[in-house]
C-alpha atoms as a PDB file:
ATOM      1  CA  MET A   1    -132.026  65.201   4.468  1.00  0.00           C
ATOM      2  CA  ASN A   2    -134.608  63.535   2.226  1.00  0.00           C
ATOM      3  CA  GLU A   3    -133.339  60.098   3.215  1.00  0.00           C
ATOM      4  CA  TRP A   4    -133.688  60.991   6.900  1.00  0.00           C
ATOM      5  CA  ILE A   5    -137.227  62.311   6.341  1.00  0.00           C
ATOM      6  CA  ARG A   6    -138.156  59.079   4.528  1.00  0.00           C
ATOM      7  CA  CYS A   7    -136.575  56.655   6.975  1.00  0.00           C
ATOM      8  CA  ALA A   8    -136.245  58.183  10.464  1.00  0.00           C
ATOM      9  CA  GLY A   9    -139.725  57.233  11.585  1.00  0.00           C
ATOM     10  CA  GLU A  10    -140.322  60.738  12.920  1.00  0.00           C
ATOM     11  CA  PHE A  11    -143.416  61.335  10.794  1.00  0.00           C
ATOM     12  CA  ASP A  12    -146.780  59.601  10.468  1.00  0.00           C
ATOM     13  CA  ALA A  13    -146.708  60.037   6.679  1.00  0.00           C
ATOM     14  CA  VAL A  14    -144.551  61.595   3.994  1.00  0.00           C
ATOM     15  CA  VAL A  15    -145.434  62.773   0.494  1.00  0.00           C
ATOM     16  CA  ASP A  16    -142.141  62.131  -1.280  1.00  0.00           C
ATOM     17  CA  LEU A  17    -142.270  64.733  -4.029  1.00  0.00           C
ATOM     18  CA  GLN A  18    -138.619  64.219  -4.892  1.00  0.00           C
ATOM     19  CA  ARG A  19    -139.358  60.663  -5.996  1.00  0.00           C
ATOM     20  CA  VAL A  20    -142.568  61.687  -7.752  1.00  0.00           C
ATOM     21  CA  MET A  21    -140.771  64.406  -9.728  1.00  0.00           C
ATOM     22  CA  ALA A  22    -137.512  62.560 -10.410  1.00  0.00           C
ATOM     23  CA  ASP A  23    -136.122  61.626 -13.797  1.00  0.00           C
ATOM     24  CA  PRO A  24    -136.142  57.787 -13.873  1.00  0.00           C
ATOM     25  CA  GLY A  25    -132.756  57.802 -15.597  1.00  0.00           C
ATOM     26  CA  ASP A  26    -131.241  60.126 -12.987  1.00  0.00           C
ATOM     27  CA  PRO A  27    -133.254  60.209  -9.739  1.00  0.00           C
ATOM     28  CA  ASP A  28    -131.299  63.220  -8.470  1.00  0.00           C
ATOM     29  CA  ARG A  29    -132.649  65.375 -11.307  1.00  0.00           C
ATOM     30  CA  LEU A  30    -136.062  66.806 -12.057  1.00  0.00           C
ATOM     31  CA  HIS A  31    -137.862  64.864 -14.793  1.00  0.00           C
ATOM     32  CA  PRO A  32    -137.649  66.912 -18.028  1.00  0.00           C
ATOM     33  CA  ALA A  33    -141.420  66.597 -18.586  1.00  0.00           C
ATOM     34  CA  TYR A  34    -142.012  68.464 -15.310  1.00  0.00           C
ATOM     35  CA  ASP A  35    -139.221  71.050 -15.665  1.00  0.00           C
ATOM     36  CA  PHE A  36    -140.137  74.740 -16.001  1.00  0.00           C
ATOM     37  CA  GLY A  37    -136.828  75.195 -17.790  1.00  0.00           C
ATOM     38  CA  ASP A  38    -134.440  76.046 -14.979  1.00  0.00           C
ATOM     39  CA  HIS A  39    -133.930  72.404 -13.846  1.00  0.00           C
ATOM     40  CA  LEU A  40    -135.214  73.360 -10.399  1.00  0.00           C
ATOM     41  CA  HIS A  41    -138.852  74.479 -10.520  1.00  0.00           C
ATOM     42  CA  PRO A  42    -141.814  72.475 -11.839  1.00  0.00           C
ATOM     43  CA  ASN A  43    -143.967  73.474 -14.776  1.00  0.00           C
ATOM     44  CA  ASP A  44    -147.775  73.179 -14.783  1.00  0.00           C
ATOM     45  CA  ARG A  45    -147.634  69.417 -15.438  1.00  0.00           C
ATOM     46  CA  GLY A  46    -145.172  69.034 -12.572  1.00  0.00           C
ATOM     47  CA  TYR A  47    -147.602  70.739 -10.203  1.00  0.00           C
ATOM     48  CA  GLU A  48    -150.370  68.410 -11.409  1.00  0.00           C
ATOM     49  CA  VAL A  49    -148.172  65.386 -10.698  1.00  0.00           C
ATOM     50  CA  MET A  50    -147.418  66.701  -7.201  1.00  0.00           C
ATOM     51  CA  ALA A  51    -151.131  67.227  -6.508  1.00  0.00           C
ATOM     52  CA  GLU A  52    -151.913  63.710  -7.712  1.00  0.00           C
ATOM     53  CA  ALA A  53    -149.312  62.329  -5.281  1.00  0.00           C
ATOM     54  CA  VAL A  54    -151.229  63.607  -2.250  1.00  0.00           C
ATOM     55  CA  CYS A  55    -153.696  61.069  -0.859  1.00  0.00           C
ATOM     56  CA  LEU A  56    -156.715  62.929   0.498  1.00  0.00           C
ATOM     57  CA  SER A  57    -158.461  59.865   1.940  1.00  0.00           C
ATOM     58  CA  SER A  58    -157.779  58.813   5.490  1.00  0.00           C
END
C-alpha cells in the first residue's frame, strides 16, 4: 500500500512517514530511537521527527 501511495501519482504530495521513521538497517522496522517500546508506536522523539518531516511552506 505504501508503495502505491508513493508511486501511483494519485496525490499532489505525500509525507512519507514510514521512510522518515524507518531503521536504516531494516527499513521495514521502526527506528529504535523513535520506538515507544512496542515496536509499533513512536515515542516523543519519533513524533518530533514526524513533525519535522512536514513542509509547511507552499
